Protein backbone atom coordinates (compact mmCIF):
# COMPACT_ATOMS: atom_id res chain seq x y z
CA MET A 1 156.03 177.61 246.51
CA SER A 2 155.08 179.85 243.86
CA SER A 3 153.54 183.08 244.92
CA GLN A 4 150.36 182.52 243.14
CA TRP A 5 149.47 179.79 245.89
CA ASN A 6 150.14 181.99 248.79
CA SER A 7 151.84 179.56 251.37
CA GLY A 8 149.96 176.37 250.87
CA ILE A 9 147.83 174.26 253.15
CA HIS A 10 148.91 175.94 256.42
CA ASP A 11 148.16 179.36 255.42
CA ARG A 12 145.83 180.33 258.30
CA LYS A 13 144.56 183.40 256.49
CA LEU A 14 143.08 181.21 253.72
CA LYS A 15 141.55 178.85 256.42
CA GLU A 16 139.85 181.86 257.96
CA GLU A 17 138.59 183.24 254.64
CA ILE A 18 136.96 179.82 254.15
CA CYS A 19 135.49 180.15 257.50
CA GLU A 20 134.09 183.66 256.86
CA ILE A 21 132.56 182.41 253.33
CA GLY A 22 131.00 179.76 255.47
CA ARG A 23 129.46 182.17 257.71
CA ARG A 24 128.04 184.24 254.71
CA VAL A 25 126.72 181.14 253.14
CA TYR A 26 125.01 180.08 256.23
CA ASN A 27 123.67 183.48 257.26
CA LYS A 28 122.23 183.85 253.75
CA GLY A 29 120.21 180.64 254.26
CA PHE A 30 122.48 179.18 251.50
CA ALA A 31 123.28 175.92 253.65
CA ALA A 32 120.98 174.50 256.26
CA ALA A 33 122.72 172.55 258.97
CA ASN A 34 125.86 170.54 257.44
CA ASP A 35 124.86 171.43 253.67
CA GLY A 36 127.40 172.82 251.19
CA ASN A 37 131.12 172.80 250.94
CA ILE A 38 133.93 175.37 250.15
CA SER A 39 137.43 174.96 248.72
CA ILE A 40 140.45 176.93 247.49
CA ARG A 41 143.72 175.67 245.58
CA VAL A 42 146.64 176.51 247.50
CA GLY A 43 149.20 174.55 245.33
CA GLU A 44 150.05 172.65 242.22
CA ASN A 45 148.56 169.73 243.94
CA GLU A 46 146.96 170.98 247.20
CA VAL A 47 143.51 172.26 248.05
CA LEU A 48 142.10 173.54 251.32
CA CYS A 49 138.53 172.49 251.89
CA SER A 50 135.63 172.56 254.50
CA PRO A 51 135.42 169.00 256.25
CA THR A 52 132.28 166.65 256.20
CA MET A 53 129.53 167.05 258.71
CA ILE A 54 130.13 170.39 259.98
CA CYS A 55 127.95 173.59 259.92
CA LYS A 56 129.39 176.07 257.53
CA GLY A 57 128.33 178.95 260.01
CA PHE A 58 130.35 177.52 262.94
CA MET A 59 133.69 176.55 261.35
CA ASN A 60 137.00 177.47 262.89
CA PRO A 61 140.49 177.60 260.91
CA GLU A 62 141.39 174.21 263.07
CA ASP A 63 138.51 172.35 261.33
CA ILE A 64 139.81 172.99 257.80
CA CYS A 65 141.30 170.23 255.93
CA ALA A 66 143.56 169.62 252.89
CA VAL A 67 143.46 167.17 250.00
CA ASP A 68 145.51 166.73 246.85
CA LEU A 69 143.84 166.76 243.34
CA ASP A 70 143.16 163.23 243.58
CA GLY A 71 140.96 163.57 246.51
CA ASN A 72 143.37 162.06 249.14
CA GLN A 73 143.24 163.67 252.45
CA ILE A 74 146.78 165.33 253.17
CA ALA A 75 146.28 167.49 256.20
CA GLY A 76 143.48 168.17 258.92
CA THR A 77 142.00 166.29 261.88
CA ARG A 78 138.68 166.31 260.44
CA LYS A 79 137.53 164.17 257.47
CA ARG A 80 137.23 165.74 254.16
CA THR A 81 133.93 165.95 252.56
CA SER A 82 133.15 163.48 249.72
CA GLU A 83 131.75 166.23 247.62
CA ILE A 84 135.42 167.46 247.08
CA LEU A 85 135.52 165.39 244.19
CA LEU A 86 133.06 168.01 242.52
CA HIS A 87 135.54 170.80 243.31
CA LEU A 88 138.63 168.91 242.09
CA ALA A 89 136.76 167.97 238.63
CA ILE A 90 136.29 171.71 238.14
CA MET A 91 139.85 172.61 239.06
CA LYS A 92 141.54 170.02 236.84
CA GLU A 93 139.45 170.84 233.92
CA ARG A 94 139.76 174.57 234.43
CA PRO A 95 143.25 175.56 235.47
CA ASP A 96 141.90 179.20 235.97
CA VAL A 97 139.58 178.47 238.71
CA LYS A 98 141.12 178.70 242.29
CA ALA A 99 137.98 178.57 244.41
CA VAL A 100 134.88 176.74 244.48
CA VAL A 101 131.57 177.16 246.57
CA HIS A 102 128.60 174.66 246.42
CA CYS A 103 125.65 175.14 248.41
CA HIS A 104 121.77 175.15 248.17
CA PRO A 105 120.52 178.78 247.76
CA PRO A 106 116.69 178.29 248.03
CA HIS A 107 115.71 180.38 244.89
CA ALA A 108 118.20 179.06 242.77
CA THR A 109 117.74 175.45 244.02
CA ALA A 110 113.95 175.88 243.04
CA PHE A 111 114.98 175.94 239.33
CA ALA A 112 117.13 172.78 240.07
CA VAL A 113 114.32 170.81 241.54
CA ALA A 114 111.89 172.05 238.94
CA ARG A 115 114.65 171.23 236.09
CA GLU A 116 113.84 174.89 234.73
CA PRO A 117 116.36 176.42 232.53
CA ILE A 118 117.54 179.85 233.70
CA PRO A 119 116.07 182.53 231.29
CA GLN A 120 118.93 184.79 229.69
CA CYS A 121 118.58 188.05 228.14
CA VAL A 122 116.57 189.44 231.23
CA LEU A 123 118.96 191.43 233.61
CA PRO A 124 122.23 193.27 232.83
CA GLU A 125 124.07 192.15 235.89
CA VAL A 126 123.50 188.43 234.99
CA GLU A 127 124.67 189.00 231.27
CA VAL A 128 127.77 190.94 232.02
CA PHE A 129 128.85 188.93 235.42
CA MET A 130 127.48 185.57 234.65
CA GLY A 131 126.21 184.56 231.24
CA GLU A 132 124.72 181.35 230.59
CA VAL A 133 123.94 178.99 233.67
CA PRO A 134 123.68 175.22 232.46
CA LEU A 135 122.00 172.58 234.50
CA ALA A 136 124.10 169.46 234.89
CA PRO A 137 122.14 166.28 235.08
CA TYR A 138 121.18 164.61 238.28
CA GLU A 139 123.36 162.04 239.79
CA THR A 140 123.53 160.77 243.35
CA PRO A 141 125.97 163.19 245.26
CA GLY A 142 129.31 162.30 246.63
CA GLY A 143 131.10 160.02 244.10
CA GLN A 144 133.11 160.68 240.87
CA LYS A 145 129.96 159.98 238.79
CA PHE A 146 128.37 163.16 240.59
CA ALA A 147 131.60 165.13 239.86
CA ASP A 148 131.76 164.28 236.37
CA THR A 149 128.28 165.47 235.57
CA VAL A 150 129.60 169.07 235.33
CA LEU A 151 132.54 168.41 232.73
CA PRO A 152 130.45 169.02 229.66
CA PHE A 153 129.61 172.63 230.98
CA LEU A 154 133.05 174.03 231.79
CA LYS A 155 133.63 175.74 228.52
CA GLY A 156 135.50 178.95 228.89
CA GLY A 157 133.57 181.61 230.64
CA THR A 158 131.18 179.54 232.64
CA ASN A 159 131.57 180.13 236.35
CA THR A 160 128.25 178.86 237.71
CA ILE A 161 126.22 175.47 237.13
CA ILE A 162 122.83 174.39 238.67
CA LEU A 163 123.00 170.72 239.77
CA THR A 164 119.75 169.15 238.80
CA GLY A 165 117.74 168.21 241.95
CA HIS A 166 120.54 169.32 244.33
CA GLY A 167 121.74 172.91 244.54
CA THR A 168 124.50 174.98 242.61
CA VAL A 169 128.17 175.38 242.48
CA SER A 170 129.94 178.56 241.56
CA PHE A 171 133.57 179.04 240.80
CA GLY A 172 136.27 181.66 240.12
CA LYS A 173 139.91 183.20 240.77
CA SER A 174 139.13 183.47 244.63
CA LEU A 175 136.77 182.46 247.28
CA GLU A 176 134.91 186.04 247.16
CA ASP A 177 134.69 185.71 243.53
CA ALA A 178 133.12 182.17 243.53
CA TYR A 179 130.68 183.54 246.58
CA TRP A 180 129.57 186.45 244.56
CA LYS A 181 128.33 184.35 241.85
CA THR A 182 126.11 182.24 244.02
CA GLU A 183 124.69 185.54 245.49
CA ILE A 184 124.07 187.02 242.05
CA LEU A 185 122.33 183.78 240.99
CA ASP A 186 120.10 183.32 243.94
CA ALA A 187 118.93 187.30 243.75
CA TYR A 188 118.31 186.66 240.14
CA CYS A 189 116.04 183.58 240.60
CA LYS A 190 114.22 185.45 243.41
CA ILE A 191 113.53 188.24 240.97
CA LEU A 192 112.36 185.76 238.18
CA LEU A 193 109.96 184.19 240.77
CA LEU A 194 108.62 187.51 241.91
CA SER A 195 108.31 188.59 238.12
CA LYS A 196 106.33 185.40 237.45
CA GLN A 197 103.87 186.36 240.17
CA LEU A 198 103.36 189.69 238.55
CA GLY A 199 102.75 187.89 235.25
CA ARG A 200 105.66 187.66 232.88
CA ILE A 201 109.26 188.45 232.19
CA ASN A 202 110.46 190.81 229.44
CA TYR A 203 113.56 189.98 227.22
CA PHE A 204 116.12 192.41 226.01
CA THR A 205 116.03 192.86 222.44
CA GLU A 206 118.85 191.55 220.09
CA ASN A 207 120.50 194.97 219.98
CA GLU A 208 120.25 195.51 223.87
CA THR A 209 121.72 192.07 224.40
CA ARG A 210 124.66 192.50 222.01
CA GLU A 211 125.45 195.88 223.73
CA LEU A 212 125.81 194.18 227.10
CA LEU A 213 128.11 191.46 225.56
CA ASP A 214 129.97 194.17 224.02
CA LEU A 215 130.33 195.75 227.50
CA LYS A 216 131.24 192.26 229.09
CA GLN A 217 133.87 191.76 226.66
CA LYS A 218 135.29 195.52 227.00
CA LEU A 219 135.47 194.80 230.75
CA GLY A 220 137.36 191.83 230.34
CA PHE A 221 134.97 189.05 231.26
CA ASP A 222 134.65 185.80 229.26
CA ASP A 223 131.67 184.11 228.07
CA PRO A 224 130.73 180.79 226.29
CA ARG A 225 129.02 182.78 223.55
CA PHE A 226 132.30 184.38 222.62
CA HIS A 227 133.59 181.13 221.78
CA VAL A 228 130.78 179.16 220.12
CA GLU A 229 129.84 179.83 216.66
CA ASP A 230 126.40 178.35 216.29
CA CYS A 231 124.74 179.03 219.83
CA ASP A 232 122.06 181.71 219.73
CA LEU A 233 122.25 184.91 221.69
CA CYS A 234 120.26 184.11 224.74
CA GLY A 235 118.84 180.65 224.66
CA ASN A 236 121.18 178.34 226.92
CA SER A 237 122.30 176.56 223.84
CA ALA A 238 126.05 177.14 224.12
CA PHE A 239 126.13 173.79 225.85
CA ARG A 240 123.48 171.65 223.82
CA GLU A 241 126.28 169.09 223.32
CA GLY A 242 126.44 168.32 226.92
CA TYR A 243 122.78 167.52 227.21
CA THR A 244 122.78 163.79 226.36
CA GLU A 245 119.49 163.24 227.70
CA GLY A 246 118.01 166.30 225.89
CA LEU A 247 118.23 170.04 226.03
CA PRO A 248 116.13 171.26 229.15
CA GLN A 249 113.09 173.13 227.88
CA GLN A 250 111.55 176.31 229.53
CA LYS A 251 108.01 175.54 230.98
CA ALA A 252 107.49 178.09 233.76
CA PHE A 253 108.66 181.03 231.41
CA GLU A 254 108.26 182.01 227.80
CA PRO A 255 111.24 180.67 225.82
CA ALA A 256 113.72 183.54 225.06
CA PRO A 257 113.59 185.12 221.55
CA SER A 258 115.84 183.16 219.06
CA TYR A 259 118.61 185.70 217.81
CA PRO A 260 121.75 184.90 215.94
CA GLY A 261 124.74 183.88 218.07
CA TYR A 262 127.33 186.55 219.18
CA LEU A 263 129.87 185.64 216.48
CA GLN A 264 127.15 185.73 213.75
CA LYS A 265 125.94 188.55 211.72
CA PRO A 266 123.13 190.47 213.47
CA SER A 267 119.54 189.68 212.21
CA THR A 268 118.73 193.47 212.81
CA GLN A 269 121.49 194.67 210.07
CA PRO A 270 119.84 195.96 206.69
CA ALA A 271 120.16 193.28 203.83
CA ALA A 272 123.11 193.93 201.48
CA ALA A 273 122.01 195.04 197.91
CA PRO A 274 122.35 192.59 195.07
CA ALA A 275 125.58 192.35 193.52
CA GLY A 276 125.77 195.05 190.79
CA GLY A 277 122.31 196.32 191.50
CA ASN A 278 121.16 199.65 192.88
CA SER A 279 118.69 201.01 195.35
CA ASP A 280 115.56 200.67 193.16
CA GLN A 281 116.43 196.59 192.60
CA LEU A 282 116.75 196.53 196.45
CA ILE A 283 113.53 198.08 196.94
CA LYS A 284 111.88 195.88 194.62
CA ALA A 285 113.47 192.45 196.22
CA ILE A 286 112.47 193.61 199.41
CA THR A 287 108.69 194.35 198.07
CA ASP A 288 108.54 191.18 196.51
CA GLN A 289 109.50 189.44 199.76
CA VAL A 290 107.02 191.24 201.68
CA MET A 291 104.27 190.39 199.28
CA THR A 292 105.27 186.79 199.12
CA ALA A 293 105.02 186.65 202.89
CA LEU A 294 101.59 188.22 202.75
CA GLY A 295 100.47 185.36 200.27
CA GLN A 296 99.88 188.03 197.48
């Protein structure tokens, strides 16, 4: 067994880690009763996961079961959750993903129920550690059709998806990494809702957003905006091709400003002088544009 997978489906330490993440999810109020499920990939074709019909705050290592990447149960006395198919769809599409946490954090799930897109360009930590959060379309949970709803939104850099009318799923290189994304998202959604009560949210300027994305790239984090040429800087448009039923529209919040994408020339850069021209020609050209805009 390759060292990257630890010791496989019999690794008690990893089972204990699933139980610990389950306790955090439960104690945070992210999963009531039997809600939610947790998984970690432990082999080329093996995944440890929480079983069905169990409270995530009361699991023991003996409760944890294992499946292959096709969803067949290969170990454990308890039955695997039907929603493991969602986890496996993510792992198969994204080999870099080793762990997945699905639950119902209340503030983020409020956005899922309202079908309200998550505003970007508002909080530094969200821009750096999360980036754009797409809304996967609704499908009855538990089957392969439900699992497949996230596939159009798994471009490089995505680490959290809101499941419309259902909850959230976050994923990463470890269980803690995946869980932290859930905490960040729910805290952010809580801040957004409180800000709404105060009256409004304020968006970063184009330059401020670019500086945050520069920092993100410097720290080694990925983001869909680093790859998609025509997406705007903070408008949830990197995933527009995935929205076959129409791009979600912000209703509770004012839409973010429309800035050129990260891979495009910033709109704040001064215009280039006409070829072969001088500063007088540039000033005249700008003056003519201003007078035209003023209708004079």
